Amino acid sequence: MVTSTKIKKSEIQPGLAKSYVVGDIKIVICNIGNEYYAIEDICSHDDGELVLGESKLTETCQIECPRHGARFDVKTGEAKRMPAIAPIRTHNVRVLNDELEIEITE
């Protein structure tokens, strides 16, 4: 099943990640120099949320889990630092003028 939602680009400032709920899925939208990426909001190490509201991204385009320090590449979902070893899902993002269309495949 595919679900999509639209989010205003202005809601996510460069260098930040913001969490959203789309249907039953928690996602994080990341803004890296006005390029946008969507990842699932679940750490593959302990199934906890990666972002509580809004969070800063690291200088290497990664997001860090607030509990145990695992890191994930926001472009690919790849686990970059222990204790996480499994990747997280990414979702398609299309830029439509002042909105982002996020496509979530379940």
Protein backbone atom coordinates (compact mmCIF):
# COMPACT_ATOMS: atom_id res chain seq x y z
CA MET A 1 0.00 0.00 0.00
CA VAL A 2 1.23 3.50 -0.83
CA THR A 3 0.34 6.55 1.24
CA SER A 4 1.37 10.09 0.45
CA THR A 5 1.23 13.36 2.32
CA LYS A 6 2.24 16.93 1.65
CA ILE A 7 4.29 19.09 4.01
CA LYS A 8 5.29 22.74 3.67
CA LYS A 9 9.02 23.11 2.92
CA SER A 10 9.15 26.08 5.29
CA GLU A 11 8.43 23.77 8.26
CA ILE A 12 11.91 22.23 8.06
CA GLN A 13 14.91 24.55 8.21
CA PRO A 14 18.29 23.56 6.67
CA GLY A 15 20.32 21.25 8.91
CA LEU A 16 17.27 20.08 10.83
CA ALA A 17 15.09 16.99 10.97
CA LYS A 18 11.46 17.01 12.02
CA SER A 19 9.17 14.12 12.91
CA TYR A 20 5.70 13.52 11.47
CA VAL A 21 3.05 10.83 11.64
CA VAL A 22 1.53 9.73 8.34
CA GLY A 23 -1.28 7.26 8.91
CA ASP A 24 0.28 4.72 11.28
CA ILE A 25 3.87 5.43 10.18
CA LYS A 26 6.31 7.72 11.99
CA ILE A 27 8.74 9.45 9.64
CA VAL A 28 11.47 12.06 9.83
CA ILE A 29 11.91 14.69 7.13
CA CYS A 30 15.48 16.03 6.84
CA ASN A 31 16.62 19.23 5.14
CA ILE A 32 20.23 19.18 3.94
CA GLY A 33 20.96 22.40 2.07
CA ASN A 34 17.38 22.52 0.79
CA GLU A 35 17.50 18.92 -0.40
CA TYR A 36 14.92 16.82 1.42
CA TYR A 37 15.01 13.22 2.60
CA ALA A 38 12.51 11.05 4.46
CA ILE A 39 13.39 8.15 6.73
CA GLU A 40 11.44 6.04 9.17
CA ASP A 41 11.48 7.38 12.71
CA ILE A 42 12.58 4.12 14.33
CA CYS A 43 16.08 3.21 15.45
CA SER A 44 16.89 -0.27 14.19
CA HIS A 45 18.82 -0.95 17.40
CA ASP A 46 16.01 -0.53 19.95
CA ASP A 47 12.88 0.54 18.01
CA GLY A 48 12.85 3.93 19.75
CA GLU A 49 12.12 7.24 18.03
CA LEU A 50 15.07 9.01 16.40
CA VAL A 51 13.56 12.48 16.69
CA LEU A 52 11.30 13.88 19.37
CA GLY A 53 9.79 16.87 17.60
CA GLU A 54 12.81 18.46 15.91
CA SER A 55 16.52 17.63 15.90
CA LYS A 56 19.80 18.82 14.38
CA LEU A 57 21.56 16.69 11.79
CA THR A 58 25.27 15.95 12.09
CA GLU A 59 27.76 17.61 9.73
CA THR A 60 27.95 14.32 7.79
CA CYS A 61 24.23 14.13 6.86
CA GLN A 62 23.47 11.69 9.63
CA ILE A 63 20.89 11.54 12.38
CA GLU A 64 21.87 10.34 15.84
CA CYS A 65 19.59 8.29 18.08
CA PRO A 66 19.18 10.18 21.36
CA ARG A 67 19.30 7.03 23.53
CA HIS A 68 22.40 5.05 22.56
CA GLY A 69 24.18 7.17 19.93
CA ALA A 70 23.52 4.99 16.88
CA ARG A 71 23.73 6.99 13.65
CA PHE A 72 22.03 6.63 10.28
CA ASP A 73 22.70 8.20 6.89
CA VAL A 74 19.54 10.19 6.11
CA LYS A 75 20.01 9.78 2.34
CA THR A 76 20.29 5.97 2.31
CA GLY A 77 19.08 4.78 5.73
CA GLU A 78 22.38 2.93 6.23
CA ALA A 79 23.47 2.34 9.84
CA LYS A 80 26.71 4.29 10.32
CA ARG A 81 27.53 3.80 14.00
CA MET A 82 26.99 1.10 16.57
CA PRO A 83 25.02 -0.13 18.34
CA ALA A 84 22.78 -0.12 15.22
CA ILE A 85 23.81 -2.46 12.41
CA ALA A 86 20.60 -2.75 10.37
CA PRO A 87 19.49 0.04 8.02
CA ILE A 88 16.23 1.95 8.36
CA ARG A 89 13.71 2.52 5.58
CA THR A 90 13.79 5.58 3.39
CA HIS A 91 10.82 7.13 1.59
CA ASN A 92 10.53 9.08 -1.66
CA VAL A 93 10.32 12.87 -1.47
CA ARG A 94 9.21 15.08 -4.35
CA VAL A 95 9.56 18.86 -4.22
CA LEU A 96 6.45 20.63 -5.52
CA ASN A 97 7.02 24.40 -5.41
CA ASP A 98 6.64 25.22 -1.68
CA GLU A 99 5.55 21.72 -0.62
CA LEU A 100 7.12 18.31 -0.19
CA GLU A 101 5.20 15.23 -1.24
CA ILE A 102 6.25 12.22 0.80
CA GLU A 103 5.42 8.78 -0.59
CA ILE A 104 5.32 6.03 2.00
CA THR A 105 5.25 2.42 0.86
CA GLU A 106 4.17 -0.01 3.55
